[in-house]
C-alpha atoms as a PDB file:
ATOM      1  CA  MET A   1       9.992  16.979 -51.796  1.00  0.00           C
ATOM      2  CA  VAL A   2       9.278  14.457 -49.102  1.00  0.00           C
ATOM      3  CA  LEU A   3       7.603  10.975 -49.856  1.00  0.00           C
ATOM      4  CA  TYR A   4       5.917   8.993 -46.822  1.00  0.00           C
ATOM      5  CA  ARG A   5       5.249   5.225 -46.963  1.00  0.00           C
ATOM      6  CA  ASP A   6       2.428   3.835 -45.095  1.00  0.00           C
ATOM      7  CA  GLU A   7       0.698   0.595 -45.323  1.00  0.00           C
ATOM      8  CA  LYS A   8      -0.878   1.436 -48.394  1.00  0.00           C
ATOM      9  CA  GLY A   9       2.264   2.602 -50.646  1.00  0.00           C
ATOM     10  CA  LEU A  10       4.135   6.060 -51.213  1.00  0.00           C
ATOM     11  CA  SER A  11       2.242   9.511 -50.376  1.00  0.00           C
ATOM     12  CA  ARG A  12       2.930  13.046 -50.448  1.00  0.00           C
ATOM     13  CA  TYR A  13       1.540  13.221 -47.411  1.00  0.00           C
ATOM     14  CA  PRO A  14       2.757  11.910 -43.432  1.00  0.00           C
ATOM     15  CA  VAL A  15       0.217  10.168 -41.954  1.00  0.00           C
ATOM     16  CA  THR A  16      -2.239  12.526 -40.273  1.00  0.00           C
ATOM     17  CA  ASP A  17      -5.461  13.126 -39.034  1.00  0.00           C
ATOM     18  CA  ARG A  18      -5.790  16.159 -41.328  1.00  0.00           C
ATOM     19  CA  ILE A  19      -6.261  14.051 -44.473  1.00  0.00           C
ATOM     20  CA  TRP A  20      -9.549  12.430 -44.745  1.00  0.00           C
ATOM     21  CA  LYS A  21      -8.599  10.169 -47.400  1.00  0.00           C
ATOM     22  CA  LEU A  22      -6.067   9.307 -49.699  1.00  0.00           C
ATOM     23  CA  SER A  23      -6.734   7.901 -53.261  1.00  0.00           C
ATOM     24  CA  SER A  24      -4.667   6.481 -55.501  1.00  0.00           C
ATOM     25  CA  ILE A  25      -3.745   8.568 -58.836  1.00  0.00           C
ATOM     26  CA  LYS A  26      -6.129   6.201 -60.504  1.00  0.00           C
ATOM     27  CA  GLU A  27      -8.725   6.361 -57.870  1.00  0.00           C
ATOM     28  CA  PHE A  28      -8.664  10.027 -57.882  1.00  0.00           C
ATOM     29  CA  GLU A  29      -9.208  10.422 -61.631  1.00  0.00           C
ATOM     30  CA  GLU A  30     -11.851   8.291 -61.511  1.00  0.00           C
ATOM     31  CA  ASN A  31     -13.750  10.002 -59.218  1.00  0.00           C
ATOM     32  CA  ARG A  32     -12.486  13.642 -60.127  1.00  0.00           C
ATOM     33  CA  SER A  33     -15.967  14.450 -61.642  1.00  0.00           C
ATOM     34  CA  GLU A  34     -17.708  13.921 -58.388  1.00  0.00           C
ATOM     35  CA  LEU A  35     -15.500  16.562 -56.601  1.00  0.00           C
ATOM     36  CA  ILE A  36     -17.951  19.282 -57.438  1.00  0.00           C
ATOM     37  CA  LYS A  37     -20.639  17.537 -55.410  1.00  0.00           C
ATOM     38  CA  TRP A  38     -18.550  17.976 -52.368  1.00  0.00           C
ATOM     39  CA  GLY A  39     -19.034  22.070 -52.286  1.00  0.00           C
ATOM     40  CA  LEU A  40     -20.312  23.021 -48.759  1.00  0.00           C
ATOM     41  CA  GLU A  41     -22.703  25.730 -47.544  1.00  0.00           C
ATOM     42  CA  TYR A  42     -20.423  28.657 -46.437  1.00  0.00           C
ATOM     43  CA  ASN A  43     -21.249  29.333 -42.623  1.00  0.00           C
ATOM     44  CA  SER A  44     -20.883  33.479 -42.095  1.00  0.00           C
ATOM     45  CA  ASP A  45     -20.348  32.829 -38.557  1.00  0.00           C
ATOM     46  CA  LYS A  46     -16.739  31.267 -39.604  1.00  0.00           C
ATOM     47  CA  THR A  47     -13.852  32.679 -41.565  1.00  0.00           C
ATOM     48  CA  PHE A  48     -13.115  32.007 -45.100  1.00  0.00           C
ATOM     49  CA  PHE A  49     -10.464  29.938 -44.162  1.00  0.00           C
ATOM     50  CA  GLU A  50     -12.353  28.204 -41.529  1.00  0.00           C
ATOM     51  CA  ASN A  51     -14.872  26.912 -44.375  1.00  0.00           C
ATOM     52  CA  PHE A  52     -12.181  26.512 -46.727  1.00  0.00           C
ATOM     53  CA  GLN A  53     -10.368  23.917 -43.763  1.00  0.00           C
ATOM     54  CA  ILE A  54     -13.802  21.927 -43.211  1.00  0.00           C
ATOM     55  CA  LEU A  55     -13.847  21.523 -47.151  1.00  0.00           C
ATOM     56  CA  PHE A  56     -10.470  20.361 -47.000  1.00  0.00           C
ATOM     57  CA  LEU A  57     -10.943  17.914 -44.422  1.00  0.00           C
ATOM     58  CA  SER A  58     -14.267  16.633 -46.273  1.00  0.00           C
ATOM     59  CA  VAL A  59     -12.672  15.924 -49.857  1.00  0.00           C
ATOM     60  CA  GLU A  60     -10.097  12.881 -50.864  1.00  0.00           C
ATOM     61  CA  HIS A  61      -6.622  13.596 -51.845  1.00  0.00           C
ATOM     62  CA  GLN A  62      -4.346  11.970 -54.276  1.00  0.00           C
ATOM     63  CA  ARG A  63      -1.271  10.316 -52.636  1.00  0.00           C
ATOM     64  CA  MET A  64       0.692  11.852 -55.502  1.00  0.00           C
ATOM     65  CA  LEU A  65       0.392  13.958 -58.414  1.00  0.00           C
ATOM     66  CA  ALA A  66       0.270  12.757 -61.852  1.00  0.00           C
ATOM     67  CA  ARG A  67      -1.339  13.059 -65.137  1.00  0.00           C
ATOM     68  CA  ASN A  68      -0.573  11.349 -68.485  1.00  0.00           C
ATOM     69  CA  SER A  69       2.608   9.469 -67.241  1.00  0.00           C
ATOM     70  CA  GLU A  70       4.146   5.730 -67.223  1.00  0.00           C
ATOM     71  CA  ASN A  71       6.189   4.241 -65.170  1.00  0.00           C
ATOM     72  CA  CYS A  72       6.261   7.038 -62.873  1.00  0.00           C
ATOM     73  CA  ASP A  73       4.786   5.722 -59.596  1.00  0.00           C
ATOM     74  CA  TYR A  74       7.586   7.225 -57.518  1.00  0.00           C
ATOM     75  CA  VAL A  75       7.567  10.965 -58.983  1.00  0.00           C
ATOM     76  CA  ASP A  76       5.360  13.437 -57.245  1.00  0.00           C
ATOM     77  CA  ASP A  77       4.154  16.323 -59.967  1.00  0.00           C
ATOM     78  CA  VAL A  78       4.416  14.587 -63.156  1.00  0.00           C
ATOM     79  CA  ILE A  79       3.049  15.735 -66.338  1.00  0.00           C
ATOM     80  CA  ASP A  80       3.030  13.754 -69.712  1.00  0.00           C
ATOM     81  CA  SER A  81       6.176  12.178 -69.127  1.00  0.00           C
ATOM     82  CA  ALA A  82       7.617   8.596 -68.891  1.00  0.00           C
ATOM     83  CA  ASP A  83      10.394   6.124 -66.722  1.00  0.00           C
ATOM     84  CA  SER A  84      11.192   8.190 -63.973  1.00  0.00           C
ATOM     85  CA  TYR A  85      12.033   7.591 -60.594  1.00  0.00           C
ATOM     86  CA  LEU A  86      12.069   9.592 -57.118  1.00  0.00           C
ATOM     87  CA  SER A  87      11.880  12.845 -58.796  1.00  0.00           C
ATOM     88  CA  PHE A  88       9.624  16.100 -57.967  1.00  0.00           C
ATOM     89  CA  ALA A  89       8.002  18.284 -60.867  1.00  0.00           C
ATOM     90  CA  VAL A  90       8.891  16.253 -64.107  1.00  0.00           C
ATOM     91  CA  ILE A  91       7.285  18.056 -66.917  1.00  0.00           C
ATOM     92  CA  ILE A  92       5.918  17.805 -70.377  1.00  0.00           C
ATOM     93  CA  ASP A  93       7.954  14.959 -72.566  1.00  0.00           C
ATOM     94  CA  CYS A  94      10.457  13.998 -70.089  1.00  0.00           C
ATOM     95  CA  SER A  95      11.883  10.399 -69.355  1.00  0.00           C
ATOM     96  CA  ASN A  96      14.716   8.360 -67.488  1.00  0.00           C
ATOM     97  CA  VAL A  97      14.592  11.131 -64.725  1.00  0.00           C
ATOM     98  CA  LEU A  98      16.342  10.004 -61.383  1.00  0.00           C
ATOM     99  CA  TYR A  99      16.566  11.697 -58.088  1.00  0.00           C
ATOM    100  CA  SER A 100      16.205  15.457 -59.769  1.00  0.00           C
ATOM    101  CA  PHE A 101      14.009  18.277 -59.115  1.00  0.00           C
ATOM    102  CA  LEU A 102      12.138  20.338 -61.963  1.00  0.00           C
ATOM    103  CA  VAL A 103      13.132  18.855 -65.439  1.00  0.00           C
ATOM    104  CA  LYS A 104      11.061  20.211 -67.981  1.00  0.00           C
ATOM    105  CA  GLU A 105       9.781  19.805 -71.625  1.00  0.00           C
ATOM    106  CA  ASN A 106      12.019  17.173 -73.627  1.00  0.00           C
ATOM    107  CA  CYS A 107      14.738  16.516 -71.375  1.00  0.00           C
ATOM    108  CA  HIS A 108      16.095  13.050 -70.883  1.00  0.00           C
ATOM    109  CA  ASP A 109      18.419  11.134 -68.831  1.00  0.00           C
ATOM    110  CA  VAL A 110      18.716  13.549 -66.154  1.00  0.00           C
ATOM    111  CA  VAL A 111      20.161  12.297 -62.714  1.00  0.00           C
ATOM    112  CA  ASN A 112      20.661  14.116 -59.327  1.00  0.00           C
ATOM    113  CA  SER A 113      19.899  17.482 -61.134  1.00  0.00           C
ATOM    114  CA  MET A 114      17.813  20.640 -60.690  1.00  0.00           C
ATOM    115  CA  ASN A 115      15.963  23.150 -62.830  1.00  0.00           C
ATOM    116  CA  VAL A 116      17.176  20.940 -66.295  1.00  0.00           C
ATOM    117  CA  LEU A 117      14.663  22.817 -69.047  1.00  0.00           C
ATOM    118  CA  ASN A 118      14.072  22.733 -72.700  1.00  0.00           C
ATOM    119  CA  ASN A 119      15.736  20.244 -74.814  1.00  0.00           C
ATOM    120  CA  CYS A 120      18.549  18.648 -72.506  1.00  0.00           C
ATOM    121  CA  SER A 121      19.840  14.721 -72.512  1.00  0.00           C
ATOM    122  CA  TYR A 122      22.333  13.487 -70.299  1.00  0.00           C
ATOM    123  CA  ILE A 123      22.884  15.660 -67.408  1.00  0.00           C
ATOM    124  CA  TYR A 124      24.492  14.383 -64.090  1.00  0.00           C
ATOM    125  CA  MET A 125      24.847  16.239 -61.047  1.00  0.00           C
ATOM    126  CA  SER A 126      23.934  19.559 -62.472  1.00  0.00           C
ATOM    127  CA  SER A 127      21.562  22.324 -61.797  1.00  0.00           C
ATOM    128  CA  GLY A 128      20.562  25.640 -64.109  1.00  0.00           C
ATOM    129  CA  ILE A 129      20.617  23.715 -67.224  1.00  0.00           C
ATOM    130  CA  MET A 130      19.313  24.491 -70.728  1.00  0.00           C
ATOM    131  CA  ASN A 131      19.098  23.436 -74.474  1.00  0.00           C
ATOM    132  CA  SER A 132      22.283  21.192 -73.504  1.00  0.00           C
ATOM    133  CA  TYR A 133      23.453  17.656 -73.265  1.00  0.00           C
ATOM    134  CA  ASN A 134      26.549  15.601 -71.547  1.00  0.00           C
ATOM    135  CA  ILE A 135      26.446  18.076 -68.593  1.00  0.00           C
ATOM    136  CA  PHE A 136      28.197  16.693 -65.431  1.00  0.00           C
ATOM    137  CA  TYR A 137      29.090  18.128 -62.248  1.00  0.00           C
ATOM    138  CA  SER A 138      28.079  21.860 -63.538  1.00  0.00           C
ATOM    139  CA  SER A 139      25.713  25.021 -62.830  1.00  0.00           C
ATOM    140  CA  ASN A 140      24.255  27.646 -65.121  1.00  0.00           C
ATOM    141  CA  CYS A 141      24.968  26.047 -68.702  1.00  0.00           C
ATOM    142  CA  LEU A 142      23.097  27.266 -71.779  1.00  0.00           C
ATOM    143  CA  ASP A 143      22.993  26.167 -75.362  1.00  0.00           C
ATOM    144  CA  SER A 144      26.304  23.893 -74.314  1.00  0.00           C
ATOM    145  CA  SER A 145      27.579  20.418 -74.697  1.00  0.00           C
ATOM    146  CA  ASP A 146      30.294  18.441 -73.047  1.00  0.00           C
ATOM    147  CA  ILE A 147      30.902  20.119 -69.937  1.00  0.00           C
ATOM    148  CA  TRP A 148      32.530  18.983 -66.904  1.00  0.00           C
ATOM    149  CA  LEU A 149      32.863  20.526 -63.550  1.00  0.00           C
ATOM    150  CA  SER A 150      32.238  24.143 -65.271  1.00  0.00           C
ATOM    151  CA  SER A 151      29.978  27.126 -64.259  1.00  0.00           C
ATOM    152  CA  ASN A 152      28.247  29.685 -66.212  1.00  0.00           C
ATOM    153  CA  MET A 153      28.982  28.579 -69.991  1.00  0.00           C
ATOM    154  CA  LEU A 154      27.186  30.198 -72.870  1.00  0.00           C
ATOM    155  CA  ASN A 155      27.319  28.349 -76.371  1.00  0.00           C
ATOM    156  CA  CYS A 156      30.504  26.176 -75.263  1.00  0.00           C
ATOM    157  CA  THR A 157      31.682  22.553 -75.919  1.00  0.00           C
ATOM    158  CA  HIS A 158      34.287  20.229 -74.881  1.00  0.00           C
ATOM    159  CA  CYS A 159      35.252  22.321 -71.333  1.00  0.00           C
ATOM    160  CA  ILE A 160      36.472  21.089 -68.015  1.00  0.00           C
ATOM    161  CA  MET A 161      36.815  23.286 -65.007  1.00  0.00           C
ATOM    162  CA  CYS A 162      36.064  26.496 -66.804  1.00  0.00           C
ATOM    163  CA  ASP A 163      33.788  29.860 -65.627  1.00  0.00           C
ATOM    164  CA  GLY A 164      32.230  32.243 -67.307  1.00  0.00           C
ATOM    165  CA  LEU A 165      33.086  31.115 -70.977  1.00  0.00           C
ATOM    166  CA  GLU A 166      30.986  32.397 -74.348  1.00  0.00           C
ATOM    167  CA  SER A 167      31.390  30.723 -77.482  1.00  0.00           C
ATOM    168  CA  GLN A 168      34.386  28.558 -76.653  1.00  0.00           C
ATOM    169  CA  LYS A 169      35.463  24.730 -77.245  1.00  0.00           C
ATOM    170  CA  TYR A 170      38.442  22.790 -75.910  1.00  0.00           C
ATOM    171  CA  CYS A 171      39.011  24.632 -72.821  1.00  0.00           C
ATOM    172  CA  ILE A 172      40.486  23.285 -69.364  1.00  0.00           C
ATOM    173  CA  GLU A 173      40.483  26.036 -66.440  1.00  0.00           C
ATOM    174  CA  SER A 174      39.269  28.689 -68.799  1.00  0.00           C
ATOM    175  CA  LYS A 175      42.637  27.930 -70.897  1.00  0.00           C
ATOM    176  CA  GLN A 176      42.361  27.097 -74.663  1.00  0.00           C
ATOM    177  CA  TYR A 177      43.944  23.987 -76.075  1.00  0.00           C
ATOM    178  CA  SER A 178      44.384  22.061 -79.113  1.00  0.00           C
ATOM    179  CA  LYS A 179      42.010  19.180 -79.445  1.00  0.00           C
ATOM    180  CA  SER A 180      44.349  16.643 -79.559  1.00  0.00           C
ATOM    181  CA  ASP A 181      46.053  18.232 -76.208  1.00  0.00           C
ATOM    182  CA  TYR A 182      42.782  18.583 -74.538  1.00  0.00           C
ATOM    183  CA  LEU A 183      41.839  14.865 -74.923  1.00  0.00           C
ATOM    184  CA  ASP A 184      44.988  13.970 -73.174  1.00  0.00           C
ATOM    185  CA  LYS A 185      44.174  16.226 -70.595  1.00  0.00           C
ATOM    186  CA  LYS A 186      40.726  15.030 -70.092  1.00  0.00           C
ATOM    187  CA  GLU A 187      41.416  11.909 -70.031  1.00  0.00           C
ATOM    188  CA  ALA A 188      43.805  12.128 -67.085  1.00  0.00           C
ATOM    189  CA  LEU A 189      41.586  14.510 -65.229  1.00  0.00           C
ATOM    190  CA  LEU A 190      38.431  12.380 -65.899  1.00  0.00           C
ATOM    191  CA  ARG A 191      40.334   9.360 -64.212  1.00  0.00           C
ATOM    192  CA  ASP A 192      40.504  10.766 -60.686  1.00  0.00           C
ATOM    193  CA  LYS A 193      36.970  10.398 -59.970  1.00  0.00           C
ATOM    194  CA  GLU A 194      37.980  11.010 -56.463  1.00  0.00           C
ATOM    195  CA  SER A 195      38.406  14.816 -56.936  1.00  0.00           C
ATOM    196  CA  PHE A 196      35.094  15.533 -58.442  1.00  0.00           C
ATOM    197  CA  GLN A 197      33.391  16.521 -55.676  1.00  0.00           C
ATOM    198  CA  LYS A 198      36.429  18.660 -54.671  1.00  0.00           C
ATOM    199  CA  TYR A 199      36.260  20.549 -58.092  1.00  0.00           C
ATOM    200  CA  ARG A 200      32.656  20.901 -58.161  1.00  0.00           C
ATOM    201  CA  ASN A 201      32.756  22.635 -54.104  1.00  0.00           C
ATOM    202  CA  ASN A 202      34.878  24.991 -56.091  1.00  0.00           C
ATOM    203  CA  LEU A 203      32.600  26.129 -58.894  1.00  0.00           C
ATOM    204  CA  ASN A 204      31.729  29.697 -59.001  1.00  0.00           C
ATOM    205  CA  LYS A 205      28.664  29.801 -56.659  1.00  0.00           C
ATOM    206  CA  GLN A 206      28.019  33.390 -58.309  1.00  0.00           C
ATOM    207  CA  LEU A 207      25.542  32.218 -61.406  1.00  0.00           C
ATOM    208  CA  SER A 208      25.577  34.756 -64.091  1.00  0.00           C
ATOM    209  CA  ASN A 209      22.482  36.366 -65.033  1.00  0.00           C
ATOM    210  CA  PHE A 210      22.766  36.276 -69.013  1.00  0.00           C
ATOM    211  CA  TRP A 211      20.925  39.097 -71.054  1.00  0.00           C
ATOM    212  CA  SER A 212      19.477  40.554 -68.143  1.00  0.00           C
ATOM    213  CA  GLU A 213      19.534  44.119 -66.848  1.00  0.00           C
ATOM    214  CA  ASN A 214      18.549  45.403 -63.401  1.00  0.00           C
ATOM    215  CA  VAL A 215      18.142  41.899 -61.871  1.00  0.00           C
ATOM    216  CA  SER A 216      19.152  40.703 -58.460  1.00  0.00           C
ATOM    217  CA  TRP A 217      19.970  37.177 -57.195  1.00  0.00           C
ATOM    218  CA  ASN A 218      21.334  34.299 -59.315  1.00  0.00           C
ATOM    219  CA  ALA A 219      21.183  32.512 -62.922  1.00  0.00           C
ATOM    220  CA  ILE A 220      18.431  34.691 -64.581  1.00  0.00           C
ATOM    221  CA  LEU A 221      18.003  34.755 -68.169  1.00  0.00           C
ATOM    222  CA  GLU A 222      17.051  37.732 -70.749  1.00  0.00           C
ATOM    223  CA  SER A 223      14.988  39.437 -67.833  1.00  0.00           C
ATOM    224  CA  SER A 224      14.936  42.564 -66.541  1.00  0.00           C
ATOM    225  CA  ASP A 225      13.887  44.754 -63.222  1.00  0.00           C
ATOM    226  CA  ILE A 226      13.622  41.743 -61.034  1.00  0.00           C
ATOM    227  CA  GLU A 227      14.352  41.746 -57.523  1.00  0.00           C
ATOM    228  CA  ASN A 228      15.081  38.841 -55.505  1.00  0.00           C
ATOM    229  CA  GLY A 229      14.588  36.308 -58.590  1.00  0.00           C
ATOM    230  CA  ALA A 230      16.591  32.882 -59.116  1.00  0.00           C
ATOM    231  CA  TYR A 231      16.332  30.458 -62.180  1.00  0.00           C
ATOM    232  CA  LEU A 232      14.113  32.439 -64.092  1.00  0.00           C
ATOM    233  CA  TYR A 233      13.807  32.921 -68.120  1.00  0.00           C
ATOM    234  CA  ARG A 234      12.264  35.686 -69.619  1.00  0.00           C
ATOM    235  CA  VAL A 235      10.882  37.662 -66.831  1.00  0.00           C
ATOM    236  CA  HIS A 236      10.480  41.531 -66.275  1.00  0.00           C
ATOM    237  CA  GLY A 237       9.419  43.466 -63.520  1.00  0.00           C
ATOM    238  CA  TRP A 238       8.828  40.825 -60.840  1.00  0.00           C
ATOM    239  CA  ARG A 239       9.692  40.041 -57.379  1.00  0.00           C
ATOM    240  CA  ASN A 240      10.437  37.135 -54.997  1.00  0.00           C
ATOM    241  CA  LEU A 241      10.672  34.159 -57.600  1.00  0.00           C
ATOM    242  CA  ILE A 242      12.197  30.842 -57.926  1.00  0.00           C
ATOM    243  CA  MET A 243      12.036  28.801 -60.664  1.00  0.00           C
ATOM    244  CA  VAL A 244       9.611  30.805 -63.415  1.00  0.00           C
ATOM    245  CA  ALA A 245      10.095  30.580 -66.845  1.00  0.00           C
ATOM    246  CA  TRP A 246       8.755  29.766 -70.732  1.00  0.00           C
ATOM    247  CA  SER A 247       8.708  31.929 -73.637  1.00  0.00           C
ATOM    248  CA  GLU A 248       6.649  35.139 -73.122  1.00  0.00           C
ATOM    249  CA  TRP A 249       5.540  36.442 -69.772  1.00  0.00           C
ATOM    250  CA  ASP A 250       3.719  39.851 -68.713  1.00  0.00           C
ATOM    251  CA  LYS A 251       3.418  41.881 -65.406  1.00  0.00           C
ATOM    252  CA  GLU A 252       2.374  41.581 -61.601  1.00  0.00           C
ATOM    253  CA  ILE A 253       3.877  38.278 -60.380  1.00  0.00           C
ATOM    254  CA  TYR A 254       4.918  38.357 -56.985  1.00  0.00           C
ATOM    255  CA  ASP A 255       6.151  35.617 -54.321  1.00  0.00           C
ATOM    256  CA  THR A 256       5.714  32.682 -56.684  1.00  0.00           C
ATOM    257  CA  ILE A 257       7.601  29.486 -56.926  1.00  0.00           C
ATOM    258  CA  ILE A 258       7.552  27.003 -60.156  1.00  0.00           C
ATOM    259  CA  ALA A 259       5.324  28.413 -62.681  1.00  0.00           C
ATOM    260  CA  TRP A 260       5.505  28.297 -66.030  1.00  0.00           C
ATOM    261  CA  ALA A 261       3.333  29.378 -69.250  1.00  0.00           C
ATOM    262  CA  TYR A 262       3.649  31.302 -72.837  1.00  0.00           C
ATOM    263  CA  LYS A 263       2.100  34.277 -71.443  1.00  0.00           C
ATOM    264  CA  ALA A 264       0.830  35.156 -67.545  1.00  0.00           C
ATOM    265  CA  ASP A 265       0.330  38.020 -65.434  1.00  0.00           C
ATOM    266  CA  ASN A 266      -1.152  38.674 -62.110  1.00  0.00           C
ATOM    267  CA  MET A 267      -0.424  36.103 -59.844  1.00  0.00           C
ATOM    268  CA  TYR A 268       0.135  35.833 -56.201  1.00  0.00           C
ATOM    269  CA  GLY A 269       1.274  33.648 -53.794  1.00  0.00           C
ATOM    270  CA  VAL A 270       0.995  30.981 -56.120  1.00  0.00           C
ATOM    271  CA  THR A 271       3.280  27.403 -56.386  1.00  0.00           C
ATOM    272  CA  LEU A 272       3.339  25.086 -58.990  1.00  0.00           C
ATOM    273  CA  SER A 273       1.451  26.290 -61.990  1.00  0.00           C
ATOM    274  CA  TRP A 274       1.221  25.559 -65.819  1.00  0.00           C
ATOM    275  CA  LEU A 275       0.076  26.133 -69.095  1.00  0.00           C
ATOM    276  CA  ASN A 276      -1.759  29.130 -69.658  1.00  0.00           C
ATOM    277  CA  SER A 277      -2.862  30.525 -66.257  1.00  0.00           C
ATOM    278  CA  ASN A 278      -3.250  33.848 -65.012  1.00  0.00           C
ATOM    279  CA  ASP A 279      -5.018  35.762 -62.407  1.00  0.00           C
ATOM    280  CA  ILE A 280      -4.244  33.186 -59.670  1.00  0.00           C
ATOM    281  CA  TYR A 281      -3.949  34.167 -56.473  1.00  0.00           C
ATOM    282  CA  CYS A 282      -2.668  31.928 -52.797  1.00  0.00           C
ATOM    283  CA  SER A 283      -2.849  28.602 -55.111  1.00  0.00           C
ATOM    284  CA  TYR A 284      -1.179  25.594 -55.282  1.00  0.00           C
ATOM    285  CA  SER A 285      -0.750  23.012 -58.378  1.00  0.00           C
ATOM    286  CA  VAL A 286      -3.062  24.592 -60.518  1.00  0.00           C
ATOM    287  CA  TRP A 287      -2.226  23.087 -63.947  1.00  0.00           C
ATOM    288  CA  ILE A 288      -3.867  23.779 -67.107  1.00  0.00           C
ATOM    289  CA  ASN A 289      -5.796  26.766 -68.650  1.00  0.00           C
ATOM    290  CA  ALA A 290      -6.790  28.127 -65.470  1.00  0.00           C
ATOM    291  CA  SER A 291      -7.855  31.787 -64.566  1.00  0.00           C
ATOM    292  CA  TYR A 292      -9.135  34.077 -61.850  1.00  0.00           C
ATOM    293  CA  VAL A 293      -8.501  31.299 -59.323  1.00  0.00           C
ATOM    294  CA  PHE A 294      -7.880  31.739 -55.432  1.00  0.00           C
ATOM    295  CA  TYR A 295      -7.212  29.785 -52.639  1.00  0.00           C
ATOM    296  CA  VAL A 296      -7.470  26.701 -55.412  1.00  0.00           C
ATOM    297  CA  ILE A 297      -5.629  23.327 -54.646  1.00  0.00           C
ATOM    298  CA  PHE A 298      -4.661  20.758 -57.208  1.00  0.00           C
ATOM    299  CA  SER A 299      -6.784  22.201 -59.961  1.00  0.00           C
ATOM    300  CA  ILE A 300      -6.130  20.385 -63.603  1.00  0.00           C
ATOM    301  CA  LEU A 301      -9.298  21.401 -65.688  1.00  0.00           C
ATOM    302  CA  VAL A 302     -10.223  25.009 -66.884  1.00  0.00           C
ATOM    303  CA  LEU A 303     -11.701  26.520 -63.671  1.00  0.00           C
ATOM    304  CA  THR A 304     -13.107  30.314 -63.272  1.00  0.00           C
ATOM    305  CA  ALA A 305     -13.439  32.287 -60.246  1.00  0.00           C
ATOM    306  CA  PHE A 306     -16.961  31.005 -59.973  1.00  0.00           C
ATOM    307  CA  ASP A 307     -16.131  27.726 -60.233  1.00  0.00           C
ATOM    308  CA  VAL A 308     -14.226  28.361 -56.416  1.00  0.00           C
ATOM    309  CA  LEU A 309     -16.395  30.444 -55.117  1.00  0.00           C
ATOM    310  CA  ASP A 310     -20.178  30.659 -56.030  1.00  0.00           C
ATOM    311  CA  CYS A 311     -21.684  33.966 -54.921  1.00  0.00           C
ATOM    312  CA  LYS A 312     -25.146  33.282 -56.026  1.00  0.00           C
ATOM    313  CA  THR A 313     -25.730  30.168 -54.333  1.00  0.00           C
ATOM    314  CA  ASN A 314     -23.799  30.971 -51.664  1.00  0.00           C
ATOM    315  CA  HIS A 315     -21.249  27.647 -51.990  1.00  0.00           C
ATOM    316  CA  ILE A 316     -17.722  26.863 -51.677  1.00  0.00           C
ATOM    317  CA  VAL A 317     -16.460  24.263 -53.780  1.00  0.00           C
ATOM    318  CA  PHE A 318     -13.049  22.417 -53.581  1.00  0.00           C
END
């Protein structure tokens, strides 16, 4: 989550001899069909990784990763979104995302927040938010609204400085008030903006694992049998995962960070994988309809193992 500036603009890469050429998003997309022509003869005197390094140094790279997005010149890893700035991993129908990381699927007006998923709006200084709106300085809130300085809230509305509540409203410090008393106290509390960070520092750092069993770590939702996981949704029987979520997952996913698919299995050592991808190993940023992929970087189109390593012709391609 770092951007660098050189004489030609911003880039995900520092100034280094390890990268041959940096292209703008537009230039790279215009030349994408030419990449397959840059395959190299596999040198059996060198290891696979030595061959891969030669290939890596011979192709051009995108300054930042973006696809089908508007007014996102200062966003890296953005897909089908708009009007965002200095954020990372903004995915599918999101807009007005500022200074945030991992905002996905119909989320809007998100500022300085992390892991905001699925139909959220007006999220500020918060993390682990799903299907919620008007969430401020809070963590691990699901199906909730108008929440301030709270944590582990499930189906709650109009709460301030609360923790671990379910289906409650008009609460302050986990105590319920009448609507009129709540509004009076809320007004007084929210005037004291200088104390917000102090209140936020006192939030419960142990995030609840809603509707999950036999899991370790924090903020795990509708999951089971997880060893070492954080910010997961509908994950079953995996290990060493961070921010892996979508509607239906299957099996054999290990050491993976930031992955979404309707259904997936067999991933190992993967970072950034989206949309119907499976059987992916030791790869980075594999986006759409990919399967049987090994040691691949920045793949967008449909791939199979034979696109990556053509055993018949003894070529390796990028």
